């Protein structure tokens, strides 16, 4: 595996920061609730009797800790994407593509190419550089034809219709600076 910095868009960074805040609040609430509702079980360690969390609480706390650690690692080693080529699809580029799935089945849609979909919501219409469409669209220009294979084995023929303005990235950069 190539060791490289994760490229994140400003809106991904913002979403991840919000998720960490929310997870930390959940973590603190779980601890407080457990103490107040006596979700402790008497346990025994080498030093004697101690209180421990019940299994359900421990699992939730463990999940939250792991997720916060995962997000923190992403935020600590990322490279912020603040601009992109207006001529070529790169990480951060929003582009419009026409896809022909064959037998008259076509689709036209707009996507944003991201390094990793972490921090993206379903409304963002992000596609990962590691996805078949994302990998095939990378470095393409307006008017370029390309194809990619879907899991069923069928080949999808595509053409890049447009590379959209950088206005969205400018707005997102302003949010991060606040």
Protein backbone atom coordinates (compact mmCIF):
# COMPACT_ATOMS: atom_id res chain seq x y z
CA UNK A 1 0.00 0.00 0.00
CA UNK A 2 1.30 3.44 -0.93
CA UNK A 3 1.76 5.70 2.07
CA UNK A 4 0.34 9.08 1.11
CA UNK A 5 -1.63 11.91 2.60
CA UNK A 6 -5.37 11.69 2.30
CA UNK A 7 -6.75 14.52 0.16
CA UNK A 8 -9.86 16.03 1.76
CA UNK A 9 -12.17 18.77 0.56
CA UNK A 10 -13.01 21.61 2.97
CA UNK A 11 -16.57 20.30 3.39
CA UNK A 12 -15.22 16.85 4.30
CA UNK A 13 -12.97 18.39 6.98
CA UNK A 14 -15.92 20.36 8.35
CA UNK A 15 -18.14 17.25 8.45
CA UNK A 16 -15.43 15.22 10.18
CA UNK A 17 -14.84 17.94 12.78
CA UNK A 18 -18.59 18.01 13.49
CA UNK A 19 -18.66 14.22 13.76
CA UNK A 20 -15.82 14.23 16.30
CA UNK A 21 -17.65 16.85 18.38
CA UNK A 22 -20.84 14.79 18.26
CA UNK A 23 -19.02 11.56 19.13
CA UNK A 24 -17.26 13.21 22.08
CA UNK A 25 -20.63 14.47 23.34
CA UNK A 26 -22.09 10.95 22.99
CA UNK A 27 -19.10 9.48 24.81
CA UNK A 28 -19.44 11.89 27.73
CA UNK A 29 -23.21 11.33 27.88
CA UNK A 30 -22.76 7.55 27.95
CA UNK A 31 -20.34 7.83 30.86
CA UNK A 32 -22.63 10.21 32.73
CA UNK A 33 -25.73 8.06 32.05
CA UNK A 34 -23.91 4.92 33.12
CA UNK A 35 -22.90 6.53 36.38
CA UNK A 36 -26.39 7.91 37.04
CA UNK A 37 -28.30 4.79 36.02
CA UNK A 38 -25.90 2.42 37.72
CA UNK A 39 -24.83 0.58 34.59
CA UNK A 40 -21.82 -0.48 36.57
CA UNK A 41 -21.09 -4.04 37.55
CA UNK A 42 -19.00 -4.87 40.55
CA UNK A 43 -15.74 -6.27 39.30
CA UNK A 44 -12.51 -7.40 40.72
CA UNK A 45 -8.99 -6.55 39.63
CA UNK A 46 -5.62 -7.02 41.24
CA UNK A 47 -6.24 -4.08 43.54
CA UNK A 48 -9.61 -5.27 44.80
CA UNK A 49 -13.23 -4.54 44.04
CA UNK A 50 -13.87 -1.88 41.41
CA UNK A 51 -16.81 -0.70 39.33
CA UNK A 52 -16.86 -1.56 35.62
CA UNK A 53 -19.28 -0.66 32.82
CA UNK A 54 -21.81 -3.21 31.62
CA UNK A 55 -21.07 -4.94 28.29
CA UNK A 56 -23.42 -2.78 26.18
CA UNK A 57 -21.94 0.46 27.50
CA UNK A 58 -18.41 -0.82 26.99
CA UNK A 59 -19.18 -1.76 23.37
CA UNK A 60 -20.63 1.70 22.66
CA UNK A 61 -17.70 3.45 24.33
CA UNK A 62 -15.25 1.27 22.41
CA UNK A 63 -16.94 2.00 19.07
CA UNK A 64 -16.92 5.75 19.75
CA UNK A 65 -13.25 5.69 20.78
CA UNK A 66 -12.25 3.78 17.65
CA UNK A 67 -14.26 6.09 15.38
CA UNK A 68 -12.80 9.25 16.97
CA UNK A 69 -9.32 7.77 16.56
CA UNK A 70 -9.99 6.91 12.90
CA UNK A 71 -11.29 10.42 12.14
CA UNK A 72 -8.47 12.07 14.08
CA UNK A 73 -5.93 10.11 12.04
CA UNK A 74 -7.57 11.30 8.83
CA UNK A 75 -7.59 14.90 10.01
CA UNK A 76 -3.99 14.74 11.24
CA UNK A 77 -2.54 13.44 7.99
CA UNK A 78 -4.74 15.00 5.34
CA UNK A 79 -3.91 17.43 2.60
CA UNK A 80 -6.60 20.07 2.15
CA UNK A 81 -7.80 20.40 -1.44
CA UNK A 82 -8.57 24.06 -2.00
CA UNK A 83 -8.49 24.30 -5.78
CA UNK A 84 -8.56 22.10 -8.78
CA UNK A 85 -7.92 22.14 -12.48
CA UNK A 86 -10.73 23.65 -14.51
CA UNK A 87 -9.50 21.67 -17.49
CA UNK A 88 -9.14 18.17 -16.07
CA UNK A 89 -10.89 15.97 -13.49
CA UNK A 90 -8.78 15.77 -10.33
CA UNK A 91 -9.61 15.29 -6.64
CA UNK A 92 -12.11 18.03 -5.77
CA UNK A 93 -13.44 18.45 -9.30
CA UNK A 94 -17.18 18.47 -9.77
CA UNK A 95 -18.07 17.17 -13.20
CA UNK A 96 -21.06 16.22 -15.29
CA UNK A 97 -20.99 12.88 -17.07
CA UNK A 98 -23.22 11.02 -19.51
CA UNK A 99 -23.23 7.26 -18.93
CA UNK A 100 -24.49 4.62 -21.38
CA UNK A 101 -25.16 1.30 -19.63
CA UNK A 102 -26.29 -0.33 -22.89
CA UNK A 103 -29.69 -1.46 -24.22
CA UNK A 104 -30.98 2.12 -24.11
CA UNK A 105 -30.22 2.55 -20.40
CA UNK A 106 -28.50 5.93 -19.97
CA UNK A 107 -27.95 8.39 -17.17
CA UNK A 108 -26.59 11.92 -16.90
CA UNK A 109 -25.45 13.13 -13.51
CA UNK A 110 -23.03 15.39 -11.66
CA UNK A 111 -20.42 14.04 -9.24
CA UNK A 112 -17.56 15.35 -7.15
CA UNK A 113 -14.36 13.30 -7.24
CA UNK A 114 -12.88 12.71 -3.78
CA UNK A 115 -9.90 10.74 -2.54
CA UNK A 116 -12.06 8.95 0.04
CA UNK A 117 -15.78 9.32 0.74
CA UNK A 118 -15.17 9.80 4.47
CA UNK A 119 -17.11 12.85 5.65
CA UNK A 120 -19.32 12.90 2.55
CA UNK A 121 -23.08 12.58 2.80
CA UNK A 122 -25.25 10.86 0.22
CA UNK A 123 -26.51 14.27 -0.94
CA UNK A 124 -22.96 15.32 -1.85
CA UNK A 125 -22.84 12.87 -4.78
CA UNK A 126 -19.17 12.17 -4.15
CA UNK A 127 -17.38 9.34 -5.84
CA UNK A 128 -14.10 7.96 -4.63
CA UNK A 129 -10.96 7.92 -6.70
CA UNK A 130 -10.90 4.20 -5.89
CA UNK A 131 -14.35 3.53 -7.36
CA UNK A 132 -14.60 2.26 -10.94
CA UNK A 133 -16.21 5.51 -12.18
CA UNK A 134 -13.84 7.72 -10.17
CA UNK A 135 -10.71 5.89 -11.34
CA UNK A 136 -11.89 5.98 -14.97
CA UNK A 137 -12.86 9.68 -14.87
CA UNK A 138 -9.58 10.81 -13.26
CA UNK A 139 -7.51 13.08 -15.56
CA UNK A 140 -10.28 13.27 -18.17
CA UNK A 141 -11.26 16.52 -19.90
CA UNK A 142 -14.52 17.87 -21.26
CA UNK A 143 -15.50 15.79 -24.27
CA UNK A 144 -13.30 12.81 -23.34
CA UNK A 145 -14.84 9.38 -23.75
CA UNK A 146 -13.99 6.64 -21.28
CA UNK A 147 -15.47 3.43 -19.96
CA UNK A 148 -15.48 1.42 -16.76
CA UNK A 149 -16.68 -1.98 -15.64
CA UNK A 150 -19.51 -2.35 -13.13
CA UNK A 151 -19.68 -5.27 -10.67
CA UNK A 152 -21.97 -7.28 -12.99
CA UNK A 153 -19.17 -7.24 -15.56
CA UNK A 154 -20.96 -4.89 -17.96
CA UNK A 155 -19.02 -2.02 -19.48
CA UNK A 156 -20.37 1.52 -19.09
CA UNK A 157 -19.46 3.99 -21.84
CA UNK A 158 -19.12 7.58 -20.65
CA UNK A 159 -18.39 11.08 -21.88
CA UNK A 160 -17.43 14.09 -19.74
CA UNK A 161 -20.00 16.80 -20.48
CA UNK A 162 -18.73 19.57 -18.22
CA UNK A 163 -16.30 20.48 -15.47
CA UNK A 164 -18.15 22.75 -13.11
CA UNK A 165 -17.00 26.05 -11.60
CA UNK A 166 -14.81 26.30 -8.56
CA UNK A 167 -17.41 28.36 -6.65
CA UNK A 168 -18.34 25.44 -4.39
CA UNK A 169 -14.76 24.99 -3.18
CA UNK A 170 -14.44 28.74 -2.53
CA UNK A 171 -17.57 28.66 -0.32
CA UNK A 172 -16.30 25.62 1.55
CA UNK A 173 -12.88 27.21 2.15
CA UNK A 174 -14.60 30.19 3.78
CA UNK A 175 -16.51 27.88 6.16
CA UNK A 176 -13.28 26.20 7.31
CA UNK A 177 -11.60 29.57 8.02
CA UNK A 178 -14.42 30.66 10.36
